[in-house]
Amino acid sequence: RRKKAIPARFLGPRDHASLKFMSHKIFFNPSITEVLCTTSAEALAMGKFVILPQHPSNEFFYQFPNCLAYMDMSQFVQHMKYAMENDPKPLTDKLSRIFTWEAAMERLVQSAAIPKSQFEQLTKSGRIQRDKRKAWIHKESGRMIKGDVLRAIVGNAPEEDLRDYEIESHADGENTGDSDGFMLSFDNNNPRILVFMSFIIAIISYFLQR
């Protein structure tokens, strides 16, 4: 037990969707460890004031007029007073779209895309092949019984049969030209010993390359 009680009253869990229709208009999030905090985004999407610290993890939210970022305690008090005395500004259609999945996917593609010249350079250096091997190792290490074994090693007992969650690649039968054909897979009928050897070789070959 704590020697002194925490000077706060916790109301318990709430359905996030129900917060939109509640009368409160201010959301305060002092955290600087959540990177792009989902609850801050939800509060802004609901048209609430969001008061949070100025920090690289919160920069995405600065573009919204209802985001009040503070540098110190004095500025926090100013923002809180302003939020209590004023109403949040309605989101424009342009700002509202930022919270949609379509806009999120556009940002993902934009941030992940690289110029063709850079791709050719990475291919020539062998980086693309090494990345494929790392991706394959990561994927296969969590599949089926291996996933349960790894969970047990790190201290978590298997909760589900991972085989129930296997997803077939390219289920529509379309050949994308960039499949996992460069290595054996657990998804087909390859002998288990060959698949295991392929898995070990992938790990060894990765560390042997520069």
N, C-alpha and C. Protein backbone atom coordinates (compact mmCIF):
# COMPACT_ATOMS: atom_id res chain seq x y z
N ARG A 1 0.84 -1.20 0.00
CA ARG A 1 0.00 0.00 0.00
C ARG A 1 0.87 1.25 0.00
N ARG A 2 0.36 2.29 -0.64
CA ARG A 2 1.09 3.56 -0.65
C ARG A 2 0.97 4.26 0.70
N LYS A 3 2.04 4.95 1.09
CA LYS A 3 2.01 5.71 2.34
C LYS A 3 1.05 6.88 2.23
N LYS A 4 0.99 7.47 1.04
CA LYS A 4 0.08 8.59 0.81
C LYS A 4 -0.79 8.28 -0.39
N ALA A 5 -2.03 8.60 -0.30
CA ALA A 5 -2.96 8.34 -1.40
C ALA A 5 -2.65 9.24 -2.59
N ILE A 6 -2.87 8.72 -3.78
CA ILE A 6 -2.66 9.52 -4.99
C ILE A 6 -3.77 10.58 -5.07
N PRO A 7 -3.39 11.84 -5.25
CA PRO A 7 -4.41 12.92 -5.29
C PRO A 7 -5.15 12.96 -6.61
N ALA A 8 -5.82 11.87 -6.94
CA ALA A 8 -6.57 11.79 -8.19
C ALA A 8 -7.73 10.82 -8.03
N ARG A 9 -8.75 11.02 -8.81
CA ARG A 9 -9.92 10.16 -8.78
C ARG A 9 -10.05 9.48 -10.14
N PHE A 10 -9.94 8.16 -10.16
CA PHE A 10 -10.01 7.40 -11.40
C PHE A 10 -11.44 6.90 -11.63
N LEU A 11 -11.96 7.20 -12.79
CA LEU A 11 -13.35 6.88 -13.11
C LEU A 11 -13.51 5.50 -13.74
N GLY A 12 -12.39 4.82 -14.03
CA GLY A 12 -12.50 3.50 -14.63
C GLY A 12 -12.56 3.57 -16.15
N PRO A 13 -12.61 2.42 -16.82
CA PRO A 13 -12.60 2.38 -18.29
C PRO A 13 -13.88 2.93 -18.89
N ARG A 14 -13.72 3.53 -20.05
CA ARG A 14 -14.88 4.04 -20.81
C ARG A 14 -14.72 3.65 -22.27
N ASP A 15 -15.86 3.47 -22.92
CA ASP A 15 -15.85 3.25 -24.36
C ASP A 15 -15.45 4.55 -25.03
N HIS A 16 -14.39 4.51 -25.84
CA HIS A 16 -13.90 5.74 -26.46
C HIS A 16 -14.99 6.45 -27.28
N ALA A 17 -15.82 5.67 -27.95
CA ALA A 17 -16.84 6.27 -28.81
C ALA A 17 -17.83 7.10 -28.00
N SER A 18 -18.07 6.72 -26.75
CA SER A 18 -19.05 7.44 -25.94
C SER A 18 -18.54 8.81 -25.49
N LEU A 19 -17.23 9.01 -25.55
CA LEU A 19 -16.66 10.29 -25.10
C LEU A 19 -17.07 11.45 -26.01
N LYS A 20 -17.36 11.12 -27.26
CA LYS A 20 -17.72 12.18 -28.21
C LYS A 20 -18.97 12.94 -27.77
N PHE A 21 -19.87 12.27 -27.10
CA PHE A 21 -21.15 12.88 -26.75
C PHE A 21 -21.19 13.36 -25.31
N MET A 22 -20.07 13.31 -24.62
CA MET A 22 -20.02 13.83 -23.26
C MET A 22 -19.77 15.33 -23.27
N SER A 23 -20.11 15.98 -22.20
CA SER A 23 -20.06 17.44 -22.16
C SER A 23 -18.66 17.99 -22.01
N HIS A 24 -17.70 17.19 -21.55
CA HIS A 24 -16.36 17.74 -21.35
C HIS A 24 -15.74 18.09 -22.70
N LYS A 25 -14.84 19.06 -22.70
CA LYS A 25 -14.26 19.54 -23.95
C LYS A 25 -12.74 19.57 -23.92
N ILE A 26 -12.13 19.12 -22.83
CA ILE A 26 -10.68 19.19 -22.68
C ILE A 26 -10.10 17.80 -22.43
N PHE A 27 -9.05 17.48 -23.19
CA PHE A 27 -8.32 16.23 -22.97
C PHE A 27 -6.87 16.60 -22.68
N PHE A 28 -6.37 16.18 -21.53
CA PHE A 28 -4.99 16.48 -21.14
C PHE A 28 -4.16 15.21 -21.14
N ASN A 29 -3.07 15.23 -21.90
CA ASN A 29 -2.19 14.06 -21.98
C ASN A 29 -0.74 14.51 -21.76
N PRO A 30 -0.20 14.34 -20.56
CA PRO A 30 1.17 14.79 -20.27
C PRO A 30 2.26 13.84 -20.74
N SER A 31 1.90 12.72 -21.34
CA SER A 31 2.88 11.70 -21.69
C SER A 31 3.80 12.15 -22.83
N ILE A 32 5.06 11.72 -22.74
CA ILE A 32 6.04 11.96 -23.82
C ILE A 32 6.66 10.63 -24.25
N THR A 33 5.99 9.54 -23.94
CA THR A 33 6.54 8.21 -24.25
C THR A 33 5.65 7.38 -25.17
N GLU A 34 4.57 7.92 -25.67
CA GLU A 34 3.62 7.13 -26.45
C GLU A 34 3.75 7.33 -27.94
N VAL A 35 4.79 8.04 -28.37
CA VAL A 35 5.00 8.35 -29.78
C VAL A 35 3.73 9.05 -30.32
N LEU A 36 3.10 8.50 -31.36
CA LEU A 36 1.87 9.10 -31.89
C LEU A 36 0.69 8.54 -31.10
N CYS A 37 0.27 9.26 -30.07
CA CYS A 37 -0.71 8.74 -29.12
C CYS A 37 -2.11 8.67 -29.74
N THR A 38 -2.68 7.49 -29.72
CA THR A 38 -4.00 7.27 -30.31
C THR A 38 -5.08 8.06 -29.59
N THR A 39 -5.02 8.13 -28.26
CA THR A 39 -6.07 8.83 -27.52
C THR A 39 -6.05 10.33 -27.82
N SER A 40 -4.88 10.90 -28.04
CA SER A 40 -4.80 12.32 -28.41
C SER A 40 -5.45 12.54 -29.77
N ALA A 41 -5.18 11.63 -30.71
CA ALA A 41 -5.79 11.73 -32.04
C ALA A 41 -7.30 11.59 -31.95
N GLU A 42 -7.77 10.65 -31.12
CA GLU A 42 -9.21 10.46 -30.97
C GLU A 42 -9.88 11.70 -30.39
N ALA A 43 -9.26 12.31 -29.40
CA ALA A 43 -9.84 13.50 -28.79
C ALA A 43 -9.92 14.65 -29.79
N LEU A 44 -8.89 14.83 -30.58
CA LEU A 44 -8.91 15.89 -31.61
C LEU A 44 -9.97 15.60 -32.66
N ALA A 45 -10.10 14.33 -33.05
CA ALA A 45 -11.11 13.95 -34.04
C ALA A 45 -12.52 14.19 -33.51
N MET A 46 -12.70 14.11 -32.19
CA MET A 46 -13.99 14.35 -31.57
C MET A 46 -14.27 15.83 -31.36
N GLY A 47 -13.30 16.67 -31.71
CA GLY A 47 -13.50 18.11 -31.57
C GLY A 47 -13.22 18.64 -30.18
N LYS A 48 -12.34 17.98 -29.43
CA LYS A 48 -12.00 18.42 -28.08
C LYS A 48 -10.71 19.24 -28.12
N PHE A 49 -10.49 20.05 -27.10
CA PHE A 49 -9.18 20.64 -26.88
C PHE A 49 -8.25 19.53 -26.41
N VAL A 50 -7.04 19.52 -26.92
CA VAL A 50 -6.03 18.56 -26.45
C VAL A 50 -4.82 19.34 -25.96
N ILE A 51 -4.53 19.22 -24.69
CA ILE A 51 -3.39 19.89 -24.08
C ILE A 51 -2.30 18.85 -23.85
N LEU A 52 -1.15 19.09 -24.44
CA LEU A 52 -0.05 18.13 -24.34
C LEU A 52 1.29 18.85 -24.40
N PRO A 53 2.37 18.21 -23.97
CA PRO A 53 3.68 18.87 -23.97
C PRO A 53 4.28 18.98 -25.37
N GLN A 54 5.06 20.02 -25.59
CA GLN A 54 5.80 20.14 -26.84
C GLN A 54 6.92 19.11 -26.83
N HIS A 55 6.82 18.16 -27.76
CA HIS A 55 7.75 17.04 -27.80
C HIS A 55 7.71 16.45 -29.21
N PRO A 56 8.82 15.93 -29.71
CA PRO A 56 8.81 15.35 -31.06
C PRO A 56 7.71 14.33 -31.30
N SER A 57 7.33 13.58 -30.26
CA SER A 57 6.28 12.57 -30.42
C SER A 57 4.91 13.18 -30.63
N ASN A 58 4.77 14.48 -30.35
CA ASN A 58 3.47 15.15 -30.49
C ASN A 58 3.40 16.10 -31.68
N GLU A 59 4.46 16.18 -32.46
CA GLU A 59 4.52 17.17 -33.54
C GLU A 59 3.38 17.01 -34.55
N PHE A 60 2.94 15.79 -34.77
CA PHE A 60 1.86 15.55 -35.73
C PHE A 60 0.60 16.32 -35.36
N PHE A 61 0.37 16.53 -34.07
CA PHE A 61 -0.87 17.16 -33.61
C PHE A 61 -0.84 18.68 -33.68
N TYR A 62 0.33 19.27 -33.89
CA TYR A 62 0.43 20.73 -33.87
C TYR A 62 -0.40 21.39 -34.98
N GLN A 63 -0.68 20.65 -36.04
CA GLN A 63 -1.40 21.22 -37.18
C GLN A 63 -2.87 21.48 -36.89
N PHE A 64 -3.36 20.97 -35.77
CA PHE A 64 -4.77 21.13 -35.44
C PHE A 64 -4.95 22.32 -34.48
N PRO A 65 -5.88 23.22 -34.80
CA PRO A 65 -6.05 24.42 -33.97
C PRO A 65 -6.46 24.13 -32.53
N ASN A 66 -7.07 22.97 -32.29
CA ASN A 66 -7.49 22.64 -30.93
C ASN A 66 -6.39 21.96 -30.12
N CYS A 67 -5.23 21.81 -30.72
CA CYS A 67 -4.09 21.26 -29.99
C CYS A 67 -3.34 22.40 -29.32
N LEU A 68 -3.24 22.33 -28.01
CA LEU A 68 -2.56 23.36 -27.23
C LEU A 68 -1.32 22.73 -26.59
N ALA A 69 -0.17 22.98 -27.20
CA ALA A 69 1.08 22.38 -26.71
C ALA A 69 1.81 23.37 -25.81
N TYR A 70 2.31 22.87 -24.71
CA TYR A 70 2.97 23.73 -23.73
C TYR A 70 4.45 23.36 -23.56
N MET A 71 5.25 24.37 -23.20
CA MET A 71 6.67 24.18 -22.96
C MET A 71 6.99 23.98 -21.49
N ASP A 72 6.21 24.64 -20.64
CA ASP A 72 6.48 24.57 -19.20
C ASP A 72 5.15 24.66 -18.44
N MET A 73 5.22 24.60 -17.12
CA MET A 73 4.02 24.60 -16.31
C MET A 73 3.23 25.90 -16.45
N SER A 74 3.93 27.01 -16.59
CA SER A 74 3.26 28.30 -16.75
C SER A 74 2.41 28.32 -18.02
N GLN A 75 2.97 27.82 -19.12
CA GLN A 75 2.22 27.79 -20.37
C GLN A 75 1.09 26.77 -20.31
N PHE A 76 1.30 25.69 -19.59
CA PHE A 76 0.22 24.72 -19.41
C PHE A 76 -0.98 25.37 -18.72
N VAL A 77 -0.72 26.16 -17.68
CA VAL A 77 -1.81 26.84 -16.97
C VAL A 77 -2.54 27.80 -17.90
N GLN A 78 -1.79 28.50 -18.73
CA GLN A 78 -2.40 29.43 -19.69
C GLN A 78 -3.31 28.68 -20.66
N HIS A 79 -2.82 27.57 -21.18
CA HIS A 79 -3.62 26.78 -22.12
C HIS A 79 -4.87 26.21 -21.45
N MET A 80 -4.73 25.77 -20.22
CA MET A 80 -5.87 25.22 -19.51
C MET A 80 -6.93 26.30 -19.28
N LYS A 81 -6.48 27.48 -18.90
CA LYS A 81 -7.41 28.59 -18.69
C LYS A 81 -8.12 28.96 -19.99
N TYR A 82 -7.37 29.00 -21.08
CA TYR A 82 -7.96 29.32 -22.38
C TYR A 82 -9.00 28.28 -22.76
N ALA A 83 -8.66 27.01 -22.59
CA ALA A 83 -9.58 25.93 -22.97
C ALA A 83 -10.85 25.96 -22.13
N MET A 84 -10.74 26.33 -20.87
CA MET A 84 -11.90 26.37 -19.99
C MET A 84 -12.82 27.54 -20.33
N GLU A 85 -12.26 28.61 -20.90
CA GLU A 85 -13.04 29.82 -21.18
C GLU A 85 -13.52 29.90 -22.62
N ASN A 86 -13.08 28.97 -23.46
CA ASN A 86 -13.44 29.03 -24.88
C ASN A 86 -13.92 27.67 -25.36
N ASP A 87 -14.53 27.67 -26.54
CA ASP A 87 -15.01 26.43 -27.15
C ASP A 87 -14.05 25.99 -28.25
N PRO A 88 -13.88 24.69 -28.44
CA PRO A 88 -13.01 24.20 -29.52
C PRO A 88 -13.52 24.63 -30.88
N LYS A 89 -12.61 24.83 -31.81
CA LYS A 89 -13.00 25.20 -33.17
C LYS A 89 -13.43 23.96 -33.94
N PRO A 90 -14.51 24.06 -34.69
CA PRO A 90 -14.96 22.90 -35.49
C PRO A 90 -13.88 22.50 -36.50
N LEU A 91 -13.73 21.21 -36.72
CA LEU A 91 -12.75 20.73 -37.69
C LEU A 91 -13.24 20.99 -39.12
N THR A 92 -12.34 21.48 -39.96
CA THR A 92 -12.68 21.63 -41.37
C THR A 92 -12.66 20.26 -42.03
N ASP A 93 -13.23 20.17 -43.23
CA ASP A 93 -13.22 18.90 -43.95
C ASP A 93 -11.79 18.43 -44.22
N LYS A 94 -10.91 19.39 -44.50
CA LYS A 94 -9.51 19.04 -44.78
C LYS A 94 -8.84 18.42 -43.56
N LEU A 95 -9.07 19.02 -42.40
CA LEU A 95 -8.48 18.50 -41.18
C LEU A 95 -9.13 17.19 -40.75
N SER A 96 -10.43 17.08 -40.98
CA SER A 96 -11.12 15.84 -40.61
C SER A 96 -10.60 14.66 -41.42
N ARG A 97 -10.26 14.90 -42.67
CA ARG A 97 -9.79 13.81 -43.54
C ARG A 97 -8.46 13.23 -43.04
N ILE A 98 -7.68 14.04 -42.34
CA ILE A 98 -6.38 13.56 -41.84
C ILE A 98 -6.56 12.35 -40.93
N PHE A 99 -7.72 12.25 -40.27
CA PHE A 99 -7.96 11.15 -39.33
C PHE A 99 -8.53 9.91 -40.00
N THR A 100 -8.75 9.94 -41.31
CA THR A 100 -9.32 8.79 -42.00
C THR A 100 -8.24 7.76 -42.33
N TRP A 101 -8.68 6.51 -42.54
CA TRP A 101 -7.73 5.46 -42.92
C TRP A 101 -7.10 5.75 -44.27
N GLU A 102 -7.87 6.37 -45.18
CA GLU A 102 -7.34 6.68 -46.50
C GLU A 102 -6.14 7.61 -46.39
N ALA A 103 -6.28 8.66 -45.58
CA ALA A 103 -5.17 9.60 -45.40
C ALA A 103 -3.99 8.94 -44.70
N ALA A 104 -4.29 8.07 -43.74
CA ALA A 104 -3.21 7.37 -43.02
C ALA A 104 -2.42 6.47 -43.97
N MET A 105 -3.12 5.78 -44.88
CA MET A 105 -2.44 4.93 -45.84
C MET A 105 -1.60 5.75 -46.81
N GLU A 106 -2.10 6.92 -47.20
CA GLU A 106 -1.33 7.80 -48.08
C GLU A 106 -0.03 8.25 -47.40
N ARG A 107 -0.11 8.56 -46.11
CA ARG A 107 1.10 8.97 -45.38
C ARG A 107 2.06 7.80 -45.25
N LEU A 108 1.52 6.60 -45.05
CA LEU A 108 2.36 5.42 -44.94
C LEU A 108 3.13 5.17 -46.23
N VAL A 109 2.41 5.21 -47.36
CA VAL A 109 3.05 4.97 -48.65
C VAL A 109 4.09 6.05 -48.93
N GLN A 110 3.75 7.28 -48.63
CA GLN A 110 4.67 8.39 -48.88
C GLN A 110 5.96 8.25 -48.05
N SER A 111 5.81 7.83 -46.81
CA SER A 111 6.99 7.72 -45.95
C SER A 111 7.82 6.49 -46.28
N ALA A 112 7.18 5.45 -46.84
CA ALA A 112 7.89 4.21 -47.13
C ALA A 112 8.50 4.19 -48.52
N ALA A 113 8.00 5.00 -49.43
CA ALA A 113 8.47 4.97 -50.82
C ALA A 113 9.90 5.49 -50.93
N ILE A 114 10.68 4.89 -51.83
CA ILE A 114 12.04 5.35 -52.09
C ILE A 114 12.21 5.54 -53.60
N PRO A 115 13.10 6.43 -54.03
CA PRO A 115 13.33 6.65 -55.47
C PRO A 115 13.87 5.37 -56.14
N LYS A 116 13.63 5.24 -57.42
CA LYS A 116 14.09 4.07 -58.15
C LYS A 116 15.60 3.94 -58.09
N SER A 117 16.29 5.08 -58.16
CA SER A 117 17.75 5.06 -58.11
C SER A 117 18.25 4.49 -56.79
N GLN A 118 17.57 4.84 -55.71
CA GLN A 118 17.97 4.32 -54.40
C GLN A 118 17.69 2.82 -54.30
N PHE A 119 16.56 2.39 -54.87
CA PHE A 119 16.25 0.96 -54.88
C PHE A 119 17.31 0.17 -55.64
N GLU A 120 17.76 0.70 -56.78
CA GLU A 120 18.78 0.01 -57.57
C GLU A 120 20.09 -0.04 -56.80
N GLN A 121 20.40 1.03 -56.09
CA GLN A 121 21.63 1.07 -55.30
C GLN A 121 21.58 0.04 -54.16
N LEU A 122 20.43 -0.04 -53.49
CA LEU A 122 20.27 -1.00 -52.40
C LEU A 122 20.31 -2.44 -52.91
N THR A 123 19.74 -2.66 -54.09
CA THR A 123 19.78 -3.99 -54.69
C THR A 123 21.20 -4.39 -55.03
N LYS A 124 21.95 -3.46 -55.61
CA LYS A 124 23.34 -3.74 -55.98
C LYS A 124 24.20 -4.04 -54.76
N SER A 125 23.92 -3.36 -53.65
CA SER A 125 24.71 -3.55 -52.44
C SER A 125 24.33 -4.82 -51.68
N GLY A 126 23.20 -5.44 -52.06
CA GLY A 126 22.75 -6.64 -51.38
C GLY A 126 21.81 -6.36 -50.23
N ARG A 127 21.49 -5.10 -50.00
CA ARG A 127 20.64 -4.73 -48.86
C ARG A 127 19.23 -5.27 -49.03
N ILE A 128 18.72 -5.22 -50.25
CA ILE A 128 17.35 -5.70 -50.49
C ILE A 128 17.24 -7.18 -50.15
N GLN A 129 18.22 -7.98 -50.59
CA GLN A 129 18.19 -9.40 -50.31
C GLN A 129 18.30 -9.67 -48.81
N ARG A 130 19.14 -8.91 -48.12
CA ARG A 130 19.27 -9.09 -46.67
C ARG A 130 17.97 -8.73 -45.97
N ASP A 131 17.32 -7.66 -46.45
CA ASP A 131 16.04 -7.27 -45.86
C ASP A 131 14.98 -8.34 -46.08
N LYS A 132 15.01 -8.97 -47.25
CA LYS A 132 14.06 -10.06 -47.51
C LYS A 132 14.30 -11.22 -46.56
N ARG A 133 15.57 -11.51 -46.30
CA ARG A 133 15.88 -12.60 -45.39
C ARG A 133 15.43 -12.26 -43.98
N LYS A 134 15.66 -11.03 -43.56
CA LYS A 134 15.23 -10.62 -42.22
C LYS A 134 13.71 -10.72 -42.10
N ALA A 135 13.00 -10.27 -43.15
CA ALA A 135 11.54 -10.34 -43.13
C ALA A 135 11.07 -11.79 -43.07
N TRP A 136 11.74 -12.66 -43.83
CA TRP A 136 11.36 -14.07 -43.83
C TRP A 136 11.61 -14.70 -42.47
N ILE A 137 12.76 -14.40 -41.86
CA ILE A 137 13.08 -14.93 -40.54
C ILE A 137 12.04 -14.46 -39.52
N HIS A 138 11.71 -13.18 -39.59
CA HIS A 138 10.73 -12.63 -38.65
C HIS A 138 9.38 -13.30 -38.82
N LYS A 139 8.98 -13.51 -40.08
CA LYS A 139 7.67 -14.13 -40.34
C LYS A 139 7.64 -15.58 -39.89
N GLU A 140 8.67 -16.35 -40.28
CA GLU A 140 8.66 -17.77 -39.99
C GLU A 140 8.87 -18.06 -38.50
N SER A 141 9.60 -17.19 -37.80
CA SER A 141 9.87 -17.44 -36.38
C SER A 141 8.61 -17.35 -35.53
N GLY A 142 7.57 -16.74 -36.04
CA GLY A 142 6.35 -16.63 -35.26
C GLY A 142 5.24 -17.54 -35.72
N ARG A 143 5.55 -18.40 -36.69
CA ARG A 143 4.51 -19.26 -37.25
C ARG A 143 4.34 -20.55 -36.46
N MET A 144 3.10 -20.99 -36.39
CA MET A 144 2.75 -22.31 -35.88
C MET A 144 3.44 -22.61 -34.55
N ILE A 145 4.02 -23.81 -34.43
CA ILE A 145 4.54 -24.24 -33.14
C ILE A 145 5.73 -23.40 -32.70
N LYS A 146 6.51 -22.87 -33.67
CA LYS A 146 7.68 -22.05 -33.31
C LYS A 146 7.26 -20.81 -32.56
N GLY A 147 6.13 -20.24 -32.93
CA GLY A 147 5.66 -19.06 -32.23
C GLY A 147 5.35 -19.35 -30.78
N ASP A 148 4.70 -20.49 -30.52
CA ASP A 148 4.39 -20.89 -29.15
C ASP A 148 5.66 -21.17 -28.35
N VAL A 149 6.64 -21.79 -29.01
CA VAL A 149 7.91 -22.08 -28.32
C VAL A 149 8.61 -20.79 -27.93
N LEU A 150 8.66 -19.83 -28.85
CA LEU A 150 9.31 -18.57 -28.55
C LEU A 150 8.59 -17.83 -27.43
N ARG A 151 7.27 -17.88 -27.43
CA ARG A 151 6.51 -17.22 -26.36
C ARG A 151 6.84 -17.86 -25.01
N ALA A 152 6.97 -19.19 -25.01
CA ALA A 152 7.29 -19.88 -23.76
C ALA A 152 8.69 -19.52 -23.27
N ILE A 153 9.64 -19.36 -24.21
CA ILE A 153 11.01 -19.02 -23.84
C ILE A 153 11.09 -17.66 -23.18
N VAL A 154 10.33 -16.70 -23.70
CA VAL A 154 10.38 -15.35 -23.13
C VAL A 154 9.45 -15.18 -21.94
N GLY A 155 8.78 -16.25 -21.55
CA GLY A 155 8.02 -16.20 -20.30
C GLY A 155 6.52 -16.12 -20.43
N ASN A 156 5.99 -16.18 -21.65
CA ASN A 156 4.55 -16.13 -21.85
C ASN A 156 4.05 -17.47 -22.37
N ALA A 157 3.09 -18.04 -21.69
CA ALA A 157 2.54 -19.32 -22.14
C ALA A 157 1.71 -19.14 -23.40
N PRO A 158 1.69 -20.12 -24.30
CA PRO A 158 0.87 -20.02 -25.52
C PRO A 158 -0.60 -19.79 -25.16
N GLU A 159 -1.20 -18.82 -25.83
CA GLU A 159 -2.59 -18.50 -25.55
C GLU A 159 -3.53 -19.06 -26.61
N GLU A 160 -3.04 -19.16 -27.83
CA GLU A 160 -3.88 -19.62 -28.93
C GLU A 160 -3.07 -20.57 -29.80
N ASP A 161 -3.77 -21.38 -30.56
CA ASP A 161 -3.11 -22.20 -31.56
C ASP A 161 -2.84 -21.31 -32.76
N LEU A 162 -1.57 -20.95 -32.98
CA LEU A 162 -1.24 -19.99 -34.02
C LEU A 162 -1.60 -20.49 -35.41
N ARG A 163 -1.76 -21.79 -35.56
CA ARG A 163 -2.11 -22.31 -36.89
C ARG A 163 -3.49 -21.84 -37.32
N ASP A 164 -4.33 -21.45 -36.36
CA ASP A 164 -5.66 -20.96 -36.71
C ASP A 164 -5.60 -19.59 -37.38
N TYR A 165 -4.44 -18.92 -37.27
CA TYR A 165 -4.34 -17.56 -37.77
C TYR A 165 -3.41 -17.45 -38.98
N GLU A 166 -3.07 -18.59 -39.57
CA GLU A 166 -2.23 -18.55 -40.75
C GLU A 166 -3.01 -17.92 -41.90
N ILE A 167 -2.38 -17.01 -42.60
CA ILE A 167 -3.00 -16.33 -43.74
C ILE A 167 -2.23 -16.71 -45.00
N GLU A 168 -2.96 -17.21 -45.98
CA GLU A 168 -2.30 -17.60 -47.22
C GLU A 168 -1.92 -16.37 -48.02
N SER A 169 -0.68 -16.35 -48.53
CA SER A 169 -0.22 -15.24 -49.34
C SER A 169 -0.84 -15.31 -50.73
N HIS A 170 -1.21 -14.15 -51.26
CA HIS A 170 -1.76 -14.05 -52.60
C HIS A 170 -2.91 -15.03 -52.79
N ALA A 171 -3.91 -14.95 -51.91
CA ALA A 171 -5.03 -15.89 -51.95
C ALA A 171 -5.80 -15.81 -53.26
N ASP A 172 -5.70 -14.66 -53.95
CA ASP A 172 -6.45 -14.52 -55.19
C ASP A 172 -5.75 -15.20 -56.36
N GLY A 173 -4.57 -15.79 -56.09
CA GLY A 173 -3.87 -16.50 -57.15
C GLY A 173 -3.04 -15.61 -58.04
N GLU A 174 -3.03 -14.33 -57.77
CA GLU A 174 -2.28 -13.41 -58.61
C GLU A 174 -0.79 -13.53 -58.33
N ASN A 175 0.01 -13.57 -59.37
CA ASN A 175 1.46 -13.64 -59.22
C ASN A 175 2.02 -12.24 -59.23
N THR A 176 2.52 -11.78 -58.10
CA THR A 176 3.01 -10.41 -58.00
C THR A 176 4.44 -10.27 -58.48
N GLY A 177 5.14 -11.38 -58.68
CA GLY A 177 6.51 -11.29 -59.12
C GLY A 177 7.48 -11.01 -57.99
N ASP A 178 6.98 -10.86 -56.77
CA ASP A 178 7.85 -10.57 -55.63
C ASP A 178 7.43 -11.45 -54.46
N SER A 179 7.35 -12.74 -54.71
CA SER A 179 6.86 -13.65 -53.70
C SER A 179 7.99 -14.11 -52.82
N ASP A 180 7.70 -15.03 -51.90
CA ASP A 180 8.70 -15.56 -51.00
C ASP A 180 9.37 -16.79 -51.60
N GLY A 181 9.35 -16.91 -52.92
CA GLY A 181 9.89 -18.10 -53.56
C GLY A 181 11.38 -18.26 -53.42
N PHE A 182 12.07 -17.26 -52.89
CA PHE A 182 13.52 -17.37 -52.75
C PHE A 182 13.90 -18.27 -51.58
N MET A 183 12.94 -18.75 -50.82
CA MET A 183 13.22 -19.68 -49.74
C MET A 183 12.04 -20.63 -49.57
N LEU A 184 12.32 -21.73 -48.90
CA LEU A 184 11.25 -22.67 -48.60
C LEU A 184 10.29 -22.06 -47.59
N SER A 185 9.05 -22.49 -47.63
CA SER A 185 8.05 -21.92 -46.75
C SER A 185 7.29 -23.01 -46.02
N PHE A 186 6.81 -22.68 -44.83
CA PHE A 186 5.98 -23.61 -44.07
C PHE A 186 4.57 -23.67 -44.65
N ASP A 187 4.25 -22.79 -45.60
CA ASP A 187 2.89 -22.74 -46.13
C ASP A 187 2.62 -23.86 -47.14
N ASN A 188 3.68 -24.49 -47.64
CA ASN A 188 3.46 -25.54 -48.63
C ASN A 188 3.84 -26.89 -48.05
N ASN A 189 4.02 -27.88 -48.92
CA ASN A 189 4.26 -29.24 -48.45
C ASN A 189 5.73 -29.62 -48.43
N ASN A 190 6.63 -28.66 -48.29
CA ASN A 190 8.05 -28.98 -48.19
C ASN A 190 8.31 -29.82 -46.94
N PRO A 191 9.21 -30.79 -47.03
CA PRO A 191 9.57 -31.58 -45.83
C PRO A 191 10.02 -30.67 -44.71
N ARG A 192 9.63 -30.99 -43.50
CA ARG A 192 9.94 -30.12 -42.37
C ARG A 192 11.44 -29.93 -42.16
N ILE A 193 12.23 -30.98 -42.40
CA ILE A 193 13.66 -30.87 -42.18
C ILE A 193 14.28 -29.88 -43.16
N LEU A 194 13.77 -29.86 -44.40
CA LEU A 194 14.30 -28.91 -45.39
C LEU A 194 13.92 -27.48 -45.03
N VAL A 195 12.69 -27.33 -44.55
CA VAL A 195 12.24 -25.99 -44.15
C VAL A 195 13.07 -25.49 -42.97
N PHE A 196 13.32 -26.39 -42.01
CA PHE A 196 14.12 -26.01 -40.85
C PHE A 196 15.53 -25.64 -41.28
N MET A 197 16.12 -26.42 -42.19
CA MET A 197 17.46 -26.11 -42.67
C MET A 197 17.49 -24.78 -43.39
N SER A 198 16.45 -24.50 -44.18
CA SER A 198 16.36 -23.22 -44.87
C SER A 198 16.30 -22.07 -43.88
N PHE A 199 15.57 -22.28 -42.81
CA PHE A 199 15.45 -21.26 -41.76
C PHE A 199 16.81 -20.97 -41.12
N ILE A 200 17.56 -22.03 -40.80
CA ILE A 200 18.89 -21.88 -40.18
C ILE A 200 19.86 -21.22 -41.16
N ILE A 201 19.83 -21.66 -42.42
CA ILE A 201 20.71 -21.08 -43.43
C ILE A 201 20.44 -19.60 -43.62
N ALA A 202 19.17 -19.22 -43.57
CA ALA A 202 18.81 -17.81 -43.72
C ALA A 202 19.44 -16.97 -42.62
N ILE A 203 19.38 -17.48 -41.39
CA ILE A 203 19.96 -16.75 -40.27
C ILE A 203 21.48 -16.66 -40.41
N ILE A 204 22.15 -17.78 -40.74
CA ILE A 204 23.60 -17.80 -40.86
C ILE A 204 24.06 -16.90 -42.01
N SER A 205 23.39 -17.01 -43.14
CA SER A 205 23.80 -16.23 -44.31
C SER A 205 23.63 -14.74 -44.08
N TYR A 206 22.63 -14.37 -43.29
CA TYR A 206 22.44 -12.95 -42.99
C TYR A 206 23.61 -12.40 -42.20
N PHE A 207 24.05 -13.11 -41.17
CA PHE A 207 25.12 -12.62 -40.32
C PHE A 207 26.48 -12.72 -40.99
N LEU A 208 26.61 -13.56 -42.01
CA LEU A 208 27.88 -13.67 -42.72
C LEU A 208 28.06 -12.57 -43.76
N GLN A 209 26.99 -11.86 -44.09
CA GLN A 209 27.08 -10.78 -45.07
C GLN A 209 27.37 -9.47 -44.38
N ARG A 210 27.93 -8.56 -45.12
CA ARG A 210 28.19 -7.23 -44.58
C ARG A 210 26.93 -6.41 -44.58
